[in-house]
């Protein structure tokens, strides 16, 4: 199964949704080695705020959107432009966005 997770909050927020997302990614990638995980994030304009790194492995792929979080927010919420995450991640079976975006 190809699973996508928006990890933008994990890279930009030290607590709250950021911590939840980091812990979620750690847990699901450790439990399930048969699926491939596509971790999606908006391009960062500031250094990451995360105190602990996301896991890595052959079944984990990190992909960055060509736009930063501010511009993606404007496209998705303000202008309501349908920009599918699959443009960056490729086809997915499941996508989870824990920070109330998409």
N, C-alpha and C. Protein backbone atom coordinates (compact mmCIF):
# COMPACT_ATOMS: atom_id res chain seq x y z
N UNK A 1 0.84 -1.17 0.00
CA UNK A 1 0.00 0.00 0.00
C UNK A 1 0.89 1.24 0.00
N UNK A 2 0.51 2.25 -0.76
CA UNK A 2 1.24 3.52 -0.81
C UNK A 2 0.50 4.53 0.05
N UNK A 3 1.13 4.92 1.16
CA UNK A 3 0.50 5.80 2.14
C UNK A 3 1.23 7.13 2.16
N UNK A 4 0.48 8.22 2.04
CA UNK A 4 1.05 9.56 2.11
C UNK A 4 0.66 10.24 3.41
N UNK A 5 1.59 10.98 3.99
CA UNK A 5 1.32 11.74 5.22
C UNK A 5 1.92 13.12 5.05
N UNK A 6 1.12 14.15 5.32
CA UNK A 6 1.61 15.53 5.29
C UNK A 6 2.39 15.77 6.58
N UNK A 7 3.69 15.96 6.47
CA UNK A 7 4.54 16.15 7.64
C UNK A 7 5.01 17.59 7.80
N UNK A 8 4.34 18.53 7.13
CA UNK A 8 4.73 19.94 7.24
C UNK A 8 4.74 20.38 8.69
N UNK A 9 3.69 20.06 9.45
CA UNK A 9 3.63 20.45 10.86
C UNK A 9 4.76 19.82 11.67
N UNK A 10 5.14 18.60 11.33
CA UNK A 10 6.23 17.92 12.04
C UNK A 10 7.55 18.66 11.88
N UNK A 11 7.70 19.38 10.78
CA UNK A 11 8.93 20.12 10.51
C UNK A 11 8.90 21.54 11.04
N UNK A 12 7.71 22.08 11.28
CA UNK A 12 7.61 23.50 11.63
C UNK A 12 7.08 23.75 13.04
N UNK A 13 6.52 22.74 13.69
CA UNK A 13 5.94 22.93 15.02
C UNK A 13 6.60 21.97 16.01
N UNK A 14 7.11 22.53 17.10
CA UNK A 14 7.77 21.70 18.10
C UNK A 14 6.83 20.84 18.92
N UNK A 15 5.62 21.32 19.16
CA UNK A 15 4.65 20.59 19.97
C UNK A 15 3.33 20.47 19.24
N UNK A 16 2.29 20.06 19.95
CA UNK A 16 0.95 19.99 19.38
C UNK A 16 0.88 19.05 18.19
N UNK A 17 0.32 19.57 17.07
CA UNK A 17 0.15 18.77 15.86
C UNK A 17 1.51 18.30 15.32
N UNK A 18 2.55 19.12 15.48
CA UNK A 18 3.88 18.72 15.01
C UNK A 18 4.38 17.49 15.73
N UNK A 19 4.26 17.50 17.05
CA UNK A 19 4.70 16.32 17.83
C UNK A 19 3.83 15.11 17.51
N UNK A 20 2.51 15.32 17.42
CA UNK A 20 1.60 14.22 17.08
C UNK A 20 2.02 13.58 15.75
N UNK A 21 2.31 14.42 14.75
CA UNK A 21 2.67 13.91 13.42
C UNK A 21 3.98 13.13 13.46
N UNK A 22 4.98 13.64 14.18
CA UNK A 22 6.26 12.92 14.29
C UNK A 22 6.05 11.55 14.95
N UNK A 23 5.27 11.52 16.03
CA UNK A 23 5.03 10.25 16.73
C UNK A 23 4.21 9.29 15.87
N UNK A 24 3.23 9.82 15.14
CA UNK A 24 2.43 8.99 14.24
C UNK A 24 3.31 8.34 13.18
N UNK A 25 4.17 9.13 12.55
CA UNK A 25 5.05 8.61 11.50
C UNK A 25 5.99 7.55 12.07
N UNK A 26 6.56 7.82 13.24
CA UNK A 26 7.44 6.83 13.88
C UNK A 26 6.70 5.51 14.14
N UNK A 27 5.50 5.61 14.67
CA UNK A 27 4.74 4.41 15.03
C UNK A 27 4.31 3.60 13.81
N UNK A 28 3.71 4.24 12.82
CA UNK A 28 3.19 3.47 11.68
C UNK A 28 4.31 2.91 10.81
N UNK A 29 5.41 3.63 10.66
CA UNK A 29 6.50 3.10 9.84
C UNK A 29 7.22 1.96 10.55
N UNK A 30 7.22 1.95 11.87
CA UNK A 30 7.84 0.85 12.62
C UNK A 30 6.96 -0.40 12.60
N UNK A 31 5.65 -0.21 12.59
CA UNK A 31 4.71 -1.35 12.61
C UNK A 31 4.57 -2.04 11.27
N UNK A 32 4.64 -1.27 10.20
CA UNK A 32 4.31 -1.79 8.88
C UNK A 32 5.47 -1.57 7.92
N UNK A 33 6.25 -2.61 7.68
CA UNK A 33 7.37 -2.52 6.75
C UNK A 33 7.00 -2.90 5.33
N UNK A 34 5.77 -3.33 5.10
CA UNK A 34 5.35 -3.75 3.75
C UNK A 34 4.84 -2.58 2.92
N UNK A 35 4.29 -1.57 3.56
CA UNK A 35 3.79 -0.40 2.83
C UNK A 35 4.92 0.56 2.56
N UNK A 36 4.73 1.42 1.56
CA UNK A 36 5.68 2.51 1.34
C UNK A 36 5.03 3.79 1.82
N UNK A 37 5.82 4.61 2.47
CA UNK A 37 5.33 5.86 3.06
C UNK A 37 5.92 7.03 2.30
N UNK A 38 5.05 7.92 1.88
CA UNK A 38 5.46 9.11 1.14
C UNK A 38 5.16 10.31 2.03
N UNK A 39 6.22 10.82 2.67
CA UNK A 39 6.08 11.94 3.58
C UNK A 39 6.15 13.22 2.77
N UNK A 40 5.08 13.98 2.80
CA UNK A 40 4.93 15.18 1.99
C UNK A 40 5.06 16.40 2.89
N UNK A 41 5.79 17.41 2.43
CA UNK A 41 5.89 18.66 3.19
C UNK A 41 5.97 19.83 2.23
N UNK A 42 5.44 20.95 2.69
CA UNK A 42 5.61 22.20 1.95
C UNK A 42 7.08 22.59 2.04
N UNK A 43 7.57 23.24 0.99
CA UNK A 43 8.95 23.71 1.02
C UNK A 43 9.13 24.65 2.21
N UNK A 44 10.24 24.54 2.89
CA UNK A 44 10.46 25.34 4.10
C UNK A 44 11.20 26.63 3.77
N UNK A 45 10.72 27.72 4.38
CA UNK A 45 11.40 28.99 4.23
C UNK A 45 12.21 29.32 5.48
N UNK A 46 12.01 28.55 6.54
CA UNK A 46 12.73 28.73 7.79
C UNK A 46 13.32 27.39 8.21
N UNK A 47 14.32 27.39 9.09
CA UNK A 47 14.88 26.12 9.55
C UNK A 47 13.83 25.29 10.27
N UNK A 48 13.91 23.97 10.18
CA UNK A 48 12.95 23.11 10.86
C UNK A 48 12.96 23.34 12.37
N UNK A 49 11.78 23.28 12.99
CA UNK A 49 11.64 23.48 14.42
C UNK A 49 11.60 22.17 15.19
N UNK A 50 11.70 21.06 14.47
CA UNK A 50 11.51 19.77 15.14
C UNK A 50 12.72 19.41 16.00
N UNK A 51 12.47 18.97 17.23
CA UNK A 51 13.56 18.59 18.12
C UNK A 51 14.12 17.20 17.83
N UNK A 52 13.34 16.36 17.17
CA UNK A 52 13.77 15.00 16.88
C UNK A 52 13.42 14.66 15.43
N UNK A 53 14.32 13.99 14.73
CA UNK A 53 14.11 13.76 13.29
C UNK A 53 13.04 12.72 12.99
N UNK A 54 12.53 12.79 11.78
CA UNK A 54 11.60 11.77 11.29
C UNK A 54 12.39 10.51 10.94
N UNK A 55 11.76 9.36 11.01
CA UNK A 55 12.46 8.11 10.68
C UNK A 55 12.83 8.05 9.20
N UNK A 56 13.77 7.19 8.89
CA UNK A 56 14.16 6.98 7.49
C UNK A 56 14.24 5.48 7.25
N UNK A 57 14.26 5.10 6.00
CA UNK A 57 14.35 3.70 5.62
C UNK A 57 14.01 3.55 4.16
N UNK A 58 14.21 2.36 3.64
CA UNK A 58 13.97 2.13 2.22
C UNK A 58 12.50 2.22 1.86
N UNK A 59 11.60 2.06 2.83
CA UNK A 59 10.17 2.14 2.57
C UNK A 59 9.58 3.52 2.89
N UNK A 60 10.47 4.50 3.19
CA UNK A 60 10.03 5.86 3.52
C UNK A 60 10.64 6.82 2.51
N UNK A 61 9.78 7.59 1.85
CA UNK A 61 10.23 8.56 0.84
C UNK A 61 9.76 9.95 1.26
N UNK A 62 10.66 10.91 1.22
CA UNK A 62 10.33 12.28 1.59
C UNK A 62 10.22 13.12 0.33
N UNK A 63 9.10 13.81 0.16
CA UNK A 63 8.89 14.65 -1.01
C UNK A 63 8.46 16.05 -0.58
N UNK A 64 9.01 17.04 -1.25
CA UNK A 64 8.74 18.42 -0.91
C UNK A 64 7.97 19.10 -2.04
N UNK A 65 6.95 19.85 -1.66
CA UNK A 65 6.17 20.61 -2.65
C UNK A 65 7.03 21.75 -3.18
N UNK A 66 6.79 22.19 -4.41
CA UNK A 66 7.57 23.28 -4.97
C UNK A 66 7.24 24.64 -4.35
N UNK A 67 6.16 24.72 -3.57
CA UNK A 67 5.76 25.98 -2.93
C UNK A 67 5.90 25.87 -1.42
N UNK A 68 6.11 27.02 -0.76
CA UNK A 68 6.18 26.98 0.70
C UNK A 68 4.78 26.92 1.30
N UNK A 69 4.72 26.71 2.60
CA UNK A 69 3.45 26.50 3.30
C UNK A 69 2.49 27.68 3.11
N UNK A 70 3.01 28.89 3.12
CA UNK A 70 2.17 30.08 2.97
C UNK A 70 1.46 30.09 1.63
N UNK A 71 2.17 29.77 0.55
CA UNK A 71 1.56 29.78 -0.78
C UNK A 71 0.59 28.61 -0.98
N UNK A 72 0.93 27.45 -0.44
CA UNK A 72 -0.01 26.33 -0.53
C UNK A 72 -1.31 26.65 0.21
N UNK A 73 -1.20 27.28 1.37
CA UNK A 73 -2.38 27.67 2.13
C UNK A 73 -3.25 28.63 1.31
N UNK A 74 -2.60 29.59 0.67
CA UNK A 74 -3.35 30.55 -0.16
C UNK A 74 -4.07 29.85 -1.31
N UNK A 75 -3.38 28.94 -1.97
CA UNK A 75 -4.00 28.23 -3.09
C UNK A 75 -5.18 27.39 -2.64
N UNK A 76 -4.97 26.60 -1.57
CA UNK A 76 -6.00 25.65 -1.14
C UNK A 76 -7.17 26.32 -0.42
N UNK A 77 -6.89 27.29 0.46
CA UNK A 77 -7.95 27.88 1.27
C UNK A 77 -8.53 29.17 0.70
N UNK A 78 -7.68 30.06 0.27
CA UNK A 78 -8.17 31.36 -0.19
C UNK A 78 -8.70 31.31 -1.61
N UNK A 79 -7.92 30.72 -2.51
CA UNK A 79 -8.32 30.70 -3.92
C UNK A 79 -9.08 29.43 -4.29
N UNK A 80 -9.06 28.44 -3.39
CA UNK A 80 -9.74 27.15 -3.62
C UNK A 80 -9.28 26.47 -4.92
N UNK A 81 -7.99 26.56 -5.17
CA UNK A 81 -7.41 25.92 -6.35
C UNK A 81 -7.20 24.44 -6.02
N UNK A 82 -7.77 23.55 -6.80
CA UNK A 82 -7.59 22.12 -6.53
C UNK A 82 -6.21 21.65 -7.00
N UNK A 83 -5.25 21.66 -6.09
CA UNK A 83 -3.90 21.21 -6.41
C UNK A 83 -3.68 19.87 -5.72
N UNK A 84 -3.90 18.76 -6.41
CA UNK A 84 -3.79 17.44 -5.79
C UNK A 84 -2.38 17.15 -5.29
N UNK A 85 -2.29 16.57 -4.11
CA UNK A 85 -1.01 16.21 -3.54
C UNK A 85 -0.29 15.19 -4.42
N UNK A 86 -1.03 14.44 -5.23
CA UNK A 86 -0.43 13.43 -6.11
C UNK A 86 0.50 14.05 -7.14
N UNK A 87 0.38 15.35 -7.38
CA UNK A 87 1.31 16.01 -8.30
C UNK A 87 2.73 15.92 -7.75
N UNK A 88 2.88 15.84 -6.44
CA UNK A 88 4.19 15.75 -5.81
C UNK A 88 4.53 14.31 -5.42
N UNK A 89 3.56 13.60 -4.86
CA UNK A 89 3.82 12.27 -4.30
C UNK A 89 3.66 11.12 -5.28
N UNK A 90 2.96 11.34 -6.37
CA UNK A 90 2.57 10.23 -7.23
C UNK A 90 1.29 9.62 -6.69
N UNK A 91 0.80 8.58 -7.34
CA UNK A 91 -0.46 7.95 -6.94
C UNK A 91 -0.34 7.33 -5.55
N UNK A 92 -1.35 7.57 -4.71
CA UNK A 92 -1.38 7.03 -3.35
C UNK A 92 -2.66 6.23 -3.14
N UNK A 93 -2.60 5.28 -2.21
CA UNK A 93 -3.80 4.55 -1.80
C UNK A 93 -4.50 5.26 -0.65
N UNK A 94 -3.73 5.98 0.18
CA UNK A 94 -4.27 6.65 1.35
C UNK A 94 -3.43 7.89 1.62
N UNK A 95 -4.08 9.00 1.98
CA UNK A 95 -3.34 10.22 2.34
C UNK A 95 -3.92 10.78 3.62
N UNK A 96 -3.03 11.13 4.57
CA UNK A 96 -3.46 11.70 5.85
C UNK A 96 -2.80 13.05 6.03
N UNK A 97 -3.62 14.06 6.31
CA UNK A 97 -3.12 15.41 6.57
C UNK A 97 -3.55 15.82 7.97
N UNK A 98 -2.69 15.65 8.97
CA UNK A 98 -3.09 15.88 10.35
C UNK A 98 -3.23 17.35 10.75
N UNK A 99 -2.80 18.29 9.91
CA UNK A 99 -2.83 19.70 10.31
C UNK A 99 -3.96 20.48 9.63
N UNK A 100 -5.08 19.84 9.39
CA UNK A 100 -6.30 20.50 8.91
C UNK A 100 -6.15 21.16 7.55
N UNK A 101 -5.28 20.64 6.71
CA UNK A 101 -5.09 21.17 5.36
C UNK A 101 -5.40 20.05 4.38
N UNK A 102 -5.99 20.37 3.25
CA UNK A 102 -6.38 19.47 2.16
C UNK A 102 -7.77 18.97 2.36
